[in-house]
Amino acid sequence: MGSLTNSEAVRAKCKLICNTCYVDTDVLNATLSDAGLNAEGTATPNDPKIVECAILIVKGWVETSRSENGISASIDKERLEQNILFWCNRAGLDASEFLGDMVVTVENGSDLW
């Protein structure tokens, strides 16, 4: 298998962090641009910028999913935090920068109708 683009690497990391997170192309491109990465550039394994982009996207996805029309994201917060910690450790990032403000997911969205 050949090398991945930065775009492909972020999409893959998002699914590794939260297997139900499928990234919108516009969000992906904006996040990569904000990090100073070319979407079509060749990804470096465990690049801290790639991991950071994926974590930011996943956190935004969890927040959006949990509040959109009262639909529950059914995210296991503890597992999500463990996954973020794991990938931060692999990339040499300080996980406390990402875990301090984790959102609480809605367990029963029907209560919001």
C-alpha atoms as a PDB file:
ATOM      1  CA  MET A   1       0.000   0.000   0.000  1.00  0.00           C
ATOM      2  CA  GLY A   2       1.268   3.459  -0.880  1.00  0.00           C
ATOM      3  CA  SER A   3       1.626   6.470   1.355  1.00  0.00           C
ATOM      4  CA  LEU A   4      -1.400   8.423   2.543  1.00  0.00           C
ATOM      5  CA  THR A   5      -2.216  12.044   1.863  1.00  0.00           C
ATOM      6  CA  ASN A   6      -2.712  14.343   4.853  1.00  0.00           C
ATOM      7  CA  SER A   7      -6.435  14.266   4.091  1.00  0.00           C
ATOM      8  CA  GLU A   8      -6.574  10.453   4.117  1.00  0.00           C
ATOM      9  CA  ALA A   9      -4.479  10.294   7.289  1.00  0.00           C
ATOM     10  CA  VAL A  10      -6.779  12.663   9.202  1.00  0.00           C
ATOM     11  CA  ARG A  11      -9.889  10.764   8.060  1.00  0.00           C
ATOM     12  CA  ALA A  12      -8.321   7.492   9.232  1.00  0.00           C
ATOM     13  CA  LYS A  13      -7.260   8.934  12.596  1.00  0.00           C
ATOM     14  CA  CYS A  14     -10.770  10.317  13.149  1.00  0.00           C
ATOM     15  CA  LYS A  15     -12.212   6.817  12.698  1.00  0.00           C
ATOM     16  CA  LEU A  16      -9.545   5.341  14.971  1.00  0.00           C
ATOM     17  CA  ILE A  17     -10.407   7.844  17.707  1.00  0.00           C
ATOM     18  CA  CYS A  18     -14.176   7.513  17.266  1.00  0.00           C
ATOM     19  CA  ASN A  19     -15.269   4.825  14.818  1.00  0.00           C
ATOM     20  CA  THR A  20     -18.552   6.580  13.996  1.00  0.00           C
ATOM     21  CA  CYS A  21     -16.890   9.867  12.980  1.00  0.00           C
ATOM     22  CA  TYR A  22     -16.938  10.349   9.216  1.00  0.00           C
ATOM     23  CA  VAL A  23     -15.435  13.686   8.263  1.00  0.00           C
ATOM     24  CA  ASP A  24     -17.082  16.216   5.976  1.00  0.00           C
ATOM     25  CA  THR A  25     -14.683  17.296   3.208  1.00  0.00           C
ATOM     26  CA  ASP A  26     -15.090  21.030   3.897  1.00  0.00           C
ATOM     27  CA  VAL A  27     -14.396  20.540   7.605  1.00  0.00           C
ATOM     28  CA  LEU A  28     -11.390  18.374   6.797  1.00  0.00           C
ATOM     29  CA  ASN A  29      -9.917  20.875   4.335  1.00  0.00           C
ATOM     30  CA  ALA A  30     -10.477  23.838   6.672  1.00  0.00           C
ATOM     31  CA  THR A  31      -8.894  22.015   9.611  1.00  0.00           C
ATOM     32  CA  LEU A  32      -5.855  21.002   7.550  1.00  0.00           C
ATOM     33  CA  SER A  33      -5.511  24.545   6.206  1.00  0.00           C
ATOM     34  CA  ASP A  34      -5.690  25.986   9.733  1.00  0.00           C
ATOM     35  CA  ALA A  35      -2.859  23.615  10.715  1.00  0.00           C
ATOM     36  CA  GLY A  36      -0.781  24.727   7.727  1.00  0.00           C
ATOM     37  CA  LEU A  37      -1.018  21.345   6.004  1.00  0.00           C
ATOM     38  CA  ASN A  38      -1.721  20.689   2.330  1.00  0.00           C
ATOM     39  CA  ALA A  39      -4.644  18.241   2.054  1.00  0.00           C
ATOM     40  CA  GLU A  40      -2.948  16.388  -0.810  1.00  0.00           C
ATOM     41  CA  GLY A  41       0.540  16.457   0.726  1.00  0.00           C
ATOM     42  CA  THR A  42       2.122  13.183   1.835  1.00  0.00           C
ATOM     43  CA  ALA A  43       1.349  12.351   5.462  1.00  0.00           C
ATOM     44  CA  THR A  44       4.110  11.600   7.937  1.00  0.00           C
ATOM     45  CA  PRO A  45       3.338   8.673  10.299  1.00  0.00           C
ATOM     46  CA  ASN A  46       2.152   9.858  13.731  1.00  0.00           C
ATOM     47  CA  ASP A  47       2.562  13.495  12.712  1.00  0.00           C
ATOM     48  CA  PRO A  48       1.421  15.539  15.737  1.00  0.00           C
ATOM     49  CA  LYS A  49      -0.389  17.995  13.442  1.00  0.00           C
ATOM     50  CA  ILE A  50      -2.410  15.153  11.872  1.00  0.00           C
ATOM     51  CA  VAL A  51      -3.362  13.779  15.287  1.00  0.00           C
ATOM     52  CA  GLU A  52      -4.277  17.239  16.543  1.00  0.00           C
ATOM     53  CA  CYS A  53      -6.463  17.862  13.476  1.00  0.00           C
ATOM     54  CA  ALA A  54      -8.244  14.541  14.006  1.00  0.00           C
ATOM     55  CA  ILE A  55      -8.865  15.221  17.696  1.00  0.00           C
ATOM     56  CA  LEU A  56     -10.271  18.678  16.972  1.00  0.00           C
ATOM     57  CA  ILE A  57     -12.571  17.277  14.293  1.00  0.00           C
ATOM     58  CA  VAL A  58     -13.781  14.441  16.522  1.00  0.00           C
ATOM     59  CA  LYS A  59     -14.470  16.802  19.413  1.00  0.00           C
ATOM     60  CA  GLY A  60     -16.432  19.108  17.110  1.00  0.00           C
ATOM     61  CA  TRP A  61     -18.304  16.160  15.638  1.00  0.00           C
ATOM     62  CA  VAL A  62     -19.303  14.864  19.073  1.00  0.00           C
ATOM     63  CA  GLU A  63     -20.587  18.305  20.089  1.00  0.00           C
ATOM     64  CA  THR A  64     -22.534  18.766  16.831  1.00  0.00           C
ATOM     65  CA  SER A  65     -23.947  15.239  16.827  1.00  0.00           C
ATOM     66  CA  ARG A  66     -25.154  15.400  20.384  1.00  0.00           C
ATOM     67  CA  SER A  67     -27.063  18.632  19.884  1.00  0.00           C
ATOM     68  CA  GLU A  68     -28.409  18.212  16.354  1.00  0.00           C
ATOM     69  CA  ASN A  69     -32.205  17.841  16.560  1.00  0.00           C
ATOM     70  CA  GLY A  70     -31.906  16.154  19.951  1.00  0.00           C
ATOM     71  CA  ILE A  71     -30.244  13.076  18.456  1.00  0.00           C
ATOM     72  CA  SER A  72     -27.965  11.165  20.804  1.00  0.00           C
ATOM     73  CA  ALA A  73     -24.451  10.490  19.562  1.00  0.00           C
ATOM     74  CA  SER A  74     -24.250   7.477  21.891  1.00  0.00           C
ATOM     75  CA  ILE A  75     -20.560   8.147  22.409  1.00  0.00           C
ATOM     76  CA  ASP A  76     -18.760   6.389  25.234  1.00  0.00           C
ATOM     77  CA  LYS A  77     -17.023   9.410  26.777  1.00  0.00           C
ATOM     78  CA  GLU A  78     -14.526   7.313  28.733  1.00  0.00           C
ATOM     79  CA  ARG A  79     -13.504   5.311  25.652  1.00  0.00           C
ATOM     80  CA  LEU A  80     -13.211   8.492  23.594  1.00  0.00           C
ATOM     81  CA  GLU A  81     -10.937  10.034  26.222  1.00  0.00           C
ATOM     82  CA  GLN A  82      -8.812   6.854  26.318  1.00  0.00           C
ATOM     83  CA  ASN A  83      -8.461   6.935  22.538  1.00  0.00           C
ATOM     84  CA  ILE A  84      -7.444  10.598  22.572  1.00  0.00           C
ATOM     85  CA  LEU A  85      -4.896   9.867  25.302  1.00  0.00           C
ATOM     86  CA  PHE A  86      -3.507   6.918  23.318  1.00  0.00           C
ATOM     87  CA  TRP A  87      -3.050   8.889  20.087  1.00  0.00           C
ATOM     88  CA  CYS A  88      -1.605  11.897  21.925  1.00  0.00           C
ATOM     89  CA  ASN A  89       0.981   9.615  23.536  1.00  0.00           C
ATOM     90  CA  ARG A  90       1.881   8.118  20.149  1.00  0.00           C
ATOM     91  CA  ALA A  91       2.348  11.578  18.620  1.00  0.00           C
ATOM     92  CA  GLY A  92       4.085  13.159  21.622  1.00  0.00           C
ATOM     93  CA  LEU A  93       1.224  15.572  22.373  1.00  0.00           C
ATOM     94  CA  ASP A  94       0.020  16.710  25.795  1.00  0.00           C
ATOM     95  CA  ALA A  95      -3.416  15.077  26.100  1.00  0.00           C
ATOM     96  CA  SER A  96      -4.485  17.501  28.841  1.00  0.00           C
ATOM     97  CA  GLU A  97      -4.762  20.180  26.145  1.00  0.00           C
ATOM     98  CA  PHE A  98      -7.575  18.174  24.554  1.00  0.00           C
ATOM     99  CA  LEU A  99      -9.289  16.372  27.443  1.00  0.00           C
ATOM    100  CA  GLY A 100     -10.027  19.196  29.859  1.00  0.00           C
ATOM    101  CA  ASP A 101     -13.181  20.364  28.122  1.00  0.00           C
ATOM    102  CA  MET A 102     -14.703  17.128  26.824  1.00  0.00           C
ATOM    103  CA  VAL A 103     -18.441  17.378  26.334  1.00  0.00           C
ATOM    104  CA  VAL A 104     -21.002  15.146  27.999  1.00  0.00           C
ATOM    105  CA  THR A 105     -23.122  13.238  25.513  1.00  0.00           C
ATOM    106  CA  VAL A 106     -26.890  13.017  25.577  1.00  0.00           C
ATOM    107  CA  GLU A 107     -28.096   9.543  26.531  1.00  0.00           C
ATOM    108  CA  ASN A 108     -31.753  10.042  25.643  1.00  0.00           C
ATOM    109  CA  GLY A 109     -32.411  12.590  22.907  1.00  0.00           C
ATOM    110  CA  SER A 110     -36.189  12.129  23.133  1.00  0.00           C
ATOM    111  CA  ASP A 111     -36.148  14.141  26.372  1.00  0.00           C
ATOM    112  CA  LEU A 112     -35.213  17.200  24.334  1.00  0.00           C
ATOM    113  CA  TRP A 113     -38.286  17.207  22.078  1.00  0.00           C
END
